[in-house]
Amino acid sequence: MDKVSHTKYYYQLQSIVEGLKRLNLSKMNQRILAVSTKTQFGVDMARMRVIEAIESSIQRNIDQK
């Protein structure tokens, strides 16, 4: 997450996508969330994604036992 102006948003998003491609992170969830703490845009979605990731991790650990 970073403070990005509205005019540079798409440039920054494309830069992130290209960087992920170069790193070949095929197992990574490729959803990129835009979040603004100033306007609260996307904050609830970011919280939800963190909770989902934790729940998924816990379920994988239970399944492996």
PDB file of N, CA and C in Angstrom:
ATOM      1  N   MET A   1       0.845  -1.170   0.000  1.00  0.00           N
ATOM      2  CA  MET A   1       0.000   0.000   0.000  1.00  0.00           C
ATOM      3  C   MET A   1       0.896   1.240   0.000  1.00  0.00           C
ATOM      4  N   ASP A   2       0.468   2.188  -0.749  1.00  0.00           N
ATOM      5  CA  ASP A   2       1.268   3.390  -0.877  1.00  0.00           C
ATOM      6  C   ASP A   2       0.328   4.544  -1.216  1.00  0.00           C
ATOM      7  N   LYS A   3       0.746   5.723  -0.887  1.00  0.00           N
ATOM      8  CA  LYS A   3      -0.045   6.908  -1.247  1.00  0.00           C
ATOM      9  C   LYS A   3       0.269   7.245  -2.702  1.00  0.00           C
ATOM     10  N   VAL A   4      -0.731   7.117  -3.549  1.00  0.00           N
ATOM     11  CA  VAL A   4      -0.557   7.359  -4.978  1.00  0.00           C
ATOM     12  C   VAL A   4      -1.625   8.349  -5.421  1.00  0.00           C
ATOM     13  N   SER A   5      -1.223   9.342  -6.164  1.00  0.00           N
ATOM     14  CA  SER A   5      -2.193  10.315  -6.664  1.00  0.00           C
ATOM     15  C   SER A   5      -3.103   9.656  -7.692  1.00  0.00           C
ATOM     16  N   HIS A   6      -4.269  10.245  -7.868  1.00  0.00           N
ATOM     17  CA  HIS A   6      -5.246   9.710  -8.816  1.00  0.00           C
ATOM     18  C   HIS A   6      -4.658   9.612 -10.219  1.00  0.00           C
ATOM     19  N   THR A   7      -3.856  10.574 -10.615  1.00  0.00           N
ATOM     20  CA  THR A   7      -3.293  10.581 -11.971  1.00  0.00           C
ATOM     21  C   THR A   7      -2.236   9.500 -12.168  1.00  0.00           C
ATOM     22  N   LYS A   8      -1.593   9.069 -11.096  1.00  0.00           N
ATOM     23  CA  LYS A   8      -0.545   8.048 -11.204  1.00  0.00           C
ATOM     24  C   LYS A   8      -1.035   6.647 -10.826  1.00  0.00           C
ATOM     25  N   TYR A   9      -2.315   6.533 -10.475  1.00  0.00           N
ATOM     26  CA  TYR A   9      -2.855   5.261 -10.006  1.00  0.00           C
ATOM     27  C   TYR A   9      -2.659   4.125 -11.017  1.00  0.00           C
ATOM     28  N   TYR A  10      -3.073   4.336 -12.260  1.00  0.00           N
ATOM     29  CA  TYR A  10      -2.989   3.273 -13.264  1.00  0.00           C
ATOM     30  C   TYR A  10      -1.543   2.945 -13.619  1.00  0.00           C
ATOM     31  N   TYR A  11      -0.689   3.953 -13.638  1.00  0.00           N
ATOM     32  CA  TYR A  11       0.738   3.707 -13.877  1.00  0.00           C
ATOM     33  C   TYR A  11       1.313   2.831 -12.764  1.00  0.00           C
ATOM     34  N   GLN A  12       0.969   3.138 -11.524  1.00  0.00           N
ATOM     35  CA  GLN A  12       1.460   2.374 -10.384  1.00  0.00           C
ATOM     36  C   GLN A  12       0.910   0.947 -10.416  1.00  0.00           C
ATOM     37  N   LEU A  13      -0.361   0.805 -10.739  1.00  0.00           N
ATOM     38  CA  LEU A  13      -0.980  -0.520 -10.826  1.00  0.00           C
ATOM     39  C   LEU A  13      -0.287  -1.365 -11.885  1.00  0.00           C
ATOM     40  N   GLN A  14      -0.051  -0.791 -13.051  1.00  0.00           N
ATOM     41  CA  GLN A  14       0.641  -1.519 -14.121  1.00  0.00           C
ATOM     42  C   GLN A  14       2.057  -1.898 -13.697  1.00  0.00           C
ATOM     43  N   SER A  15       2.731  -1.031 -12.988  1.00  0.00           N
ATOM     44  CA  SER A  15       4.077  -1.318 -12.498  1.00  0.00           C
ATOM     45  C   SER A  15       4.066  -2.516 -11.541  1.00  0.00           C
ATOM     46  N   ILE A  16       3.071  -2.570 -10.682  1.00  0.00           N
ATOM     47  CA  ILE A  16       2.955  -3.690  -9.741  1.00  0.00           C
ATOM     48  C   ILE A  16       2.711  -4.995 -10.496  1.00  0.00           C
ATOM     49  N   VAL A  17       1.801  -4.969 -11.452  1.00  0.00           N
ATOM     50  CA  VAL A  17       1.485  -6.172 -12.245  1.00  0.00           C
ATOM     51  C   VAL A  17       2.731  -6.664 -12.981  1.00  0.00           C
ATOM     52  N   GLU A  18       3.458  -5.769 -13.602  1.00  0.00           N
ATOM     53  CA  GLU A  18       4.680  -6.153 -14.325  1.00  0.00           C
ATOM     54  C   GLU A  18       5.730  -6.720 -13.372  1.00  0.00           C
ATOM     55  N   GLY A  19       5.868  -6.118 -12.207  1.00  0.00           N
ATOM     56  CA  GLY A  19       6.824  -6.628 -11.222  1.00  0.00           C
ATOM     57  C   GLY A  19       6.480  -8.036 -10.768  1.00  0.00           C
ATOM     58  N   LEU A  20       5.203  -8.305 -10.548  1.00  0.00           N
ATOM     59  CA  LEU A  20       4.770  -9.644 -10.160  1.00  0.00           C
ATOM     60  C   LEU A  20       5.056 -10.661 -11.263  1.00  0.00           C
ATOM     61  N   LYS A  21       4.853 -10.262 -12.506  1.00  0.00           N
ATOM     62  CA  LYS A  21       5.149 -11.152 -13.633  1.00  0.00           C
ATOM     63  C   LYS A  21       6.638 -11.484 -13.682  1.00  0.00           C
ATOM     64  N   ARG A  22       7.485 -10.473 -13.477  1.00  0.00           N
ATOM     65  CA  ARG A  22       8.940 -10.700 -13.513  1.00  0.00           C
ATOM     66  C   ARG A  22       9.393 -11.624 -12.393  1.00  0.00           C
ATOM     67  N   LEU A  23       8.721 -11.549 -11.242  1.00  0.00           N
ATOM     68  CA  LEU A  23       9.084 -12.400 -10.112  1.00  0.00           C
ATOM     69  C   LEU A  23       8.515 -13.814 -10.232  1.00  0.00           C
ATOM     70  N   ASN A  24       7.631 -14.024 -11.210  1.00  0.00           N
ATOM     71  CA  ASN A  24       7.032 -15.333 -11.475  1.00  0.00           C
ATOM     72  C   ASN A  24       6.394 -15.921 -10.212  1.00  0.00           C
ATOM     73  N   LEU A  25       5.533 -15.147  -9.606  1.00  0.00           N
ATOM     74  CA  LEU A  25       4.849 -15.581  -8.386  1.00  0.00           C
ATOM     75  C   LEU A  25       3.509 -16.210  -8.756  1.00  0.00           C
ATOM     76  N   SER A  26       3.563 -17.395  -9.365  1.00  0.00           N
ATOM     77  CA  SER A  26       2.355 -18.021  -9.895  1.00  0.00           C
ATOM     78  C   SER A  26       1.391 -18.483  -8.807  1.00  0.00           C
ATOM     79  N   LYS A  27       1.875 -18.773  -7.606  1.00  0.00           N
ATOM     80  CA  LYS A  27       0.993 -19.244  -6.537  1.00  0.00           C
ATOM     81  C   LYS A  27       0.381 -18.108  -5.733  1.00  0.00           C
ATOM     82  N   MET A  28       0.805 -16.906  -6.010  1.00  0.00           N
ATOM     83  CA  MET A  28       0.297 -15.761  -5.265  1.00  0.00           C
ATOM     84  C   MET A  28      -1.088 -15.371  -5.763  1.00  0.00           C
ATOM     85  N   ASN A  29      -1.959 -14.989  -4.838  1.00  0.00           N
ATOM     86  CA  ASN A  29      -3.255 -14.449  -5.218  1.00  0.00           C
ATOM     87  C   ASN A  29      -2.997 -13.145  -5.954  1.00  0.00           C
ATOM     88  N   GLN A  30      -3.423 -13.062  -7.188  1.00  0.00           N
ATOM     89  CA  GLN A  30      -3.043 -11.928  -8.013  1.00  0.00           C
ATOM     90  C   GLN A  30      -4.027 -10.766  -7.964  1.00  0.00           C
ATOM     91  N   ARG A  31      -4.861 -10.725  -6.953  1.00  0.00           N
ATOM     92  CA  ARG A  31      -5.746  -9.574  -6.789  1.00  0.00           C
ATOM     93  C   ARG A  31      -4.969  -8.444  -6.140  1.00  0.00           C
ATOM     94  N   ILE A  32      -5.068  -7.298  -6.729  1.00  0.00           N
ATOM     95  CA  ILE A  32      -4.413  -6.115  -6.185  1.00  0.00           C
ATOM     96  C   ILE A  32      -5.504  -5.192  -5.674  1.00  0.00           C
ATOM     97  N   LEU A  33      -5.397  -4.818  -4.428  1.00  0.00           N
ATOM     98  CA  LEU A  33      -6.407  -3.970  -3.821  1.00  0.00           C
ATOM     99  C   LEU A  33      -5.919  -2.533  -3.731  1.00  0.00           C
ATOM    100  N   ALA A  34      -6.749  -1.623  -4.174  1.00  0.00           N
ATOM    101  CA  ALA A  34      -6.462  -0.203  -3.999  1.00  0.00           C
ATOM    102  C   ALA A  34      -7.147   0.233  -2.707  1.00  0.00           C
ATOM    103  N   VAL A  35      -6.397   0.878  -1.842  1.00  0.00           N
ATOM    104  CA  VAL A  35      -6.910   1.268  -0.526  1.00  0.00           C
ATOM    105  C   VAL A  35      -6.523   2.717  -0.250  1.00  0.00           C
ATOM    106  N   SER A  36      -7.470   3.455   0.309  1.00  0.00           N
ATOM    107  CA  SER A  36      -7.188   4.827   0.726  1.00  0.00           C
ATOM    108  C   SER A  36      -7.576   4.980   2.192  1.00  0.00           C
ATOM    109  N   THR A  37      -6.608   5.272   3.033  1.00  0.00           N
ATOM    110  CA  THR A  37      -6.937   5.528   4.433  1.00  0.00           C
ATOM    111  C   THR A  37      -7.566   6.907   4.594  1.00  0.00           C
ATOM    112  N   LYS A  38      -7.307   7.788   3.641  1.00  0.00           N
ATOM    113  CA  LYS A  38      -7.883   9.132   3.703  1.00  0.00           C
ATOM    114  C   LYS A  38      -9.394   9.098   3.478  1.00  0.00           C
ATOM    115  N   THR A  39      -9.840   8.357   2.452  1.00  0.00           N
ATOM    116  CA  THR A  39     -11.267   8.289   2.134  1.00  0.00           C
ATOM    117  C   THR A  39     -11.908   6.991   2.604  1.00  0.00           C
ATOM    118  N   GLN A  40     -11.098   6.071   3.113  1.00  0.00           N
ATOM    119  CA  GLN A  40     -11.541   4.738   3.549  1.00  0.00           C
ATOM    120  C   GLN A  40     -11.927   3.825   2.384  1.00  0.00           C
ATOM    121  N   PHE A  41     -11.643   4.245   1.161  1.00  0.00           N
ATOM    122  CA  PHE A  41     -11.931   3.415  -0.001  1.00  0.00           C
ATOM    123  C   PHE A  41     -11.134   2.115   0.084  1.00  0.00           C
ATOM    124  N   GLY A  42     -11.808   0.983   0.003  1.00  0.00           N
ATOM    125  CA  GLY A  42     -11.150  -0.315  -0.045  1.00  0.00           C
ATOM    126  C   GLY A  42     -10.689  -0.878   1.289  1.00  0.00           C
ATOM    127  N   VAL A  43     -10.828  -0.130   2.377  1.00  0.00           N
ATOM    128  CA  VAL A  43     -10.336  -0.592   3.677  1.00  0.00           C
ATOM    129  C   VAL A  43     -11.090  -1.838   4.130  1.00  0.00           C
ATOM    130  N   ASP A  44     -12.408  -1.833   4.003  1.00  0.00           N
ATOM    131  CA  ASP A  44     -13.189  -3.010   4.400  1.00  0.00           C
ATOM    132  C   ASP A  44     -12.824  -4.235   3.565  1.00  0.00           C
ATOM    133  N   MET A  45     -12.595  -4.031   2.273  1.00  0.00           N
ATOM    134  CA  MET A  45     -12.205  -5.146   1.404  1.00  0.00           C
ATOM    135  C   MET A  45     -10.836  -5.688   1.813  1.00  0.00           C
ATOM    136  N   ALA A  46      -9.908  -4.824   2.146  1.00  0.00           N
ATOM    137  CA  ALA A  46      -8.585  -5.273   2.586  1.00  0.00           C
ATOM    138  C   ALA A  46      -8.701  -6.079   3.874  1.00  0.00           C
ATOM    139  N   ARG A  47      -9.498  -5.614   4.804  1.00  0.00           N
ATOM    140  CA  ARG A  47      -9.715  -6.363   6.048  1.00  0.00           C
ATOM    141  C   ARG A  47     -10.296  -7.737   5.764  1.00  0.00           C
ATOM    142  N   MET A  48     -11.287  -7.789   4.878  1.00  0.00           N
ATOM    143  CA  MET A  48     -11.927  -9.048   4.539  1.00  0.00           C
ATOM    144  C   MET A  48     -10.927 -10.017   3.906  1.00  0.00           C
ATOM    145  N   ARG A  49     -10.086  -9.522   3.020  1.00  0.00           N
ATOM    146  CA  ARG A  49      -9.084 -10.391   2.365  1.00  0.00           C
ATOM    147  C   ARG A  49      -8.061 -10.934   3.367  1.00  0.00           C
ATOM    148  N   VAL A  50      -7.675 -10.118   4.345  1.00  0.00           N
ATOM    149  CA  VAL A  50      -6.742 -10.584   5.380  1.00  0.00           C
ATOM    150  C   VAL A  50      -7.395 -11.698   6.199  1.00  0.00           C
ATOM    151  N   ILE A  51      -8.645 -11.498   6.582  1.00  0.00           N
ATOM    152  CA  ILE A  51      -9.360 -12.518   7.365  1.00  0.00           C
ATOM    153  C   ILE A  51      -9.504 -13.798   6.549  1.00  0.00           C
ATOM    154  N   GLU A  52      -9.845 -13.692   5.274  1.00  0.00           N
ATOM    155  CA  GLU A  52      -9.962 -14.870   4.417  1.00  0.00           C
ATOM    156  C   GLU A  52      -8.633 -15.616   4.318  1.00  0.00           C
ATOM    157  N   ALA A  53      -7.537 -14.887   4.198  1.00  0.00           N
ATOM    158  CA  ALA A  53      -6.221 -15.519   4.101  1.00  0.00           C
ATOM    159  C   ALA A  53      -5.879 -16.255   5.391  1.00  0.00           C
ATOM    160  N   ILE A  54      -6.194 -15.666   6.518  1.00  0.00           N
ATOM    161  CA  ILE A  54      -5.929 -16.310   7.806  1.00  0.00           C
ATOM    162  C   ILE A  54      -6.775 -17.568   7.941  1.00  0.00           C
ATOM    163  N   GLU A  55      -8.060 -17.469   7.615  1.00  0.00           N
ATOM    164  CA  GLU A  55      -8.941 -18.628   7.711  1.00  0.00           C
ATOM    165  C   GLU A  55      -8.480 -19.748   6.789  1.00  0.00           C
ATOM    166  N   SER A  56      -8.056 -19.405   5.591  1.00  0.00           N
ATOM    167  CA  SER A  56      -7.562 -20.391   4.642  1.00  0.00           C
ATOM    168  C   SER A  56      -6.297 -21.068   5.163  1.00  0.00           C
ATOM    169  N   SER A  57      -5.414 -20.285   5.751  1.00  0.00           N
ATOM    170  CA  SER A  57      -4.180 -20.826   6.311  1.00  0.00           C
ATOM    171  C   SER A  57      -4.475 -21.779   7.461  1.00  0.00           C
ATOM    172  N   ILE A  58      -5.407 -21.394   8.319  1.00  0.00           N
ATOM    173  CA  ILE A  58      -5.787 -22.250   9.443  1.00  0.00           C
ATOM    174  C   ILE A  58      -6.378 -23.553   8.924  1.00  0.00           C
ATOM    175  N   GLN A  59      -7.241 -23.478   7.910  1.00  0.00           N
ATOM    176  CA  GLN A  59      -7.861 -24.681   7.349  1.00  0.00           C
ATOM    177  C   GLN A  59      -6.804 -25.597   6.739  1.00  0.00           C
ATOM    178  N   ARG A  60      -5.819 -25.038   6.019  1.00  0.00           N
ATOM    179  CA  ARG A  60      -4.750 -25.867   5.446  1.00  0.00           C
ATOM    180  C   ARG A  60      -3.975 -26.570   6.544  1.00  0.00           C
ATOM    181  N   ASN A  61      -3.701 -25.864   7.642  1.00  0.00           N
ATOM    182  CA  ASN A  61      -2.965 -26.473   8.751  1.00  0.00           C
ATOM    183  C   ASN A  61      -3.767 -27.602   9.388  1.00  0.00           C
ATOM    184  N   ILE A  62      -5.072 -27.436   9.514  1.00  0.00           N
ATOM    185  CA  ILE A  62      -5.926 -28.491  10.072  1.00  0.00           C
ATOM    186  C   ILE A  62      -5.948 -29.688   9.144  1.00  0.00           C
ATOM    187  N   ASP A  63      -6.068 -29.455   7.844  1.00  0.00           N
ATOM    188  CA  ASP A  63      -6.128 -30.531   6.857  1.00  0.00           C
ATOM    189  C   ASP A  63      -4.833 -31.319   6.791  1.00  0.00           C
ATOM    190  N   GLN A  64      -3.705 -30.693   7.097  1.00  0.00           N
ATOM    191  CA  GLN A  64      -2.399 -31.367   7.008  1.00  0.00           C
ATOM    192  C   GLN A  64      -2.109 -32.222   8.223  1.00  0.00           C
ATOM    193  N   LYS A  65      -2.866 -32.068   9.295  1.00  0.00           N
ATOM    194  CA  LYS A  65      -2.601 -32.851  10.507  1.00  0.00           C
ATOM    195  C   LYS A  65      -3.136 -34.241  10.389  1.00  0.00           C
TER     196      LYS A  65
END
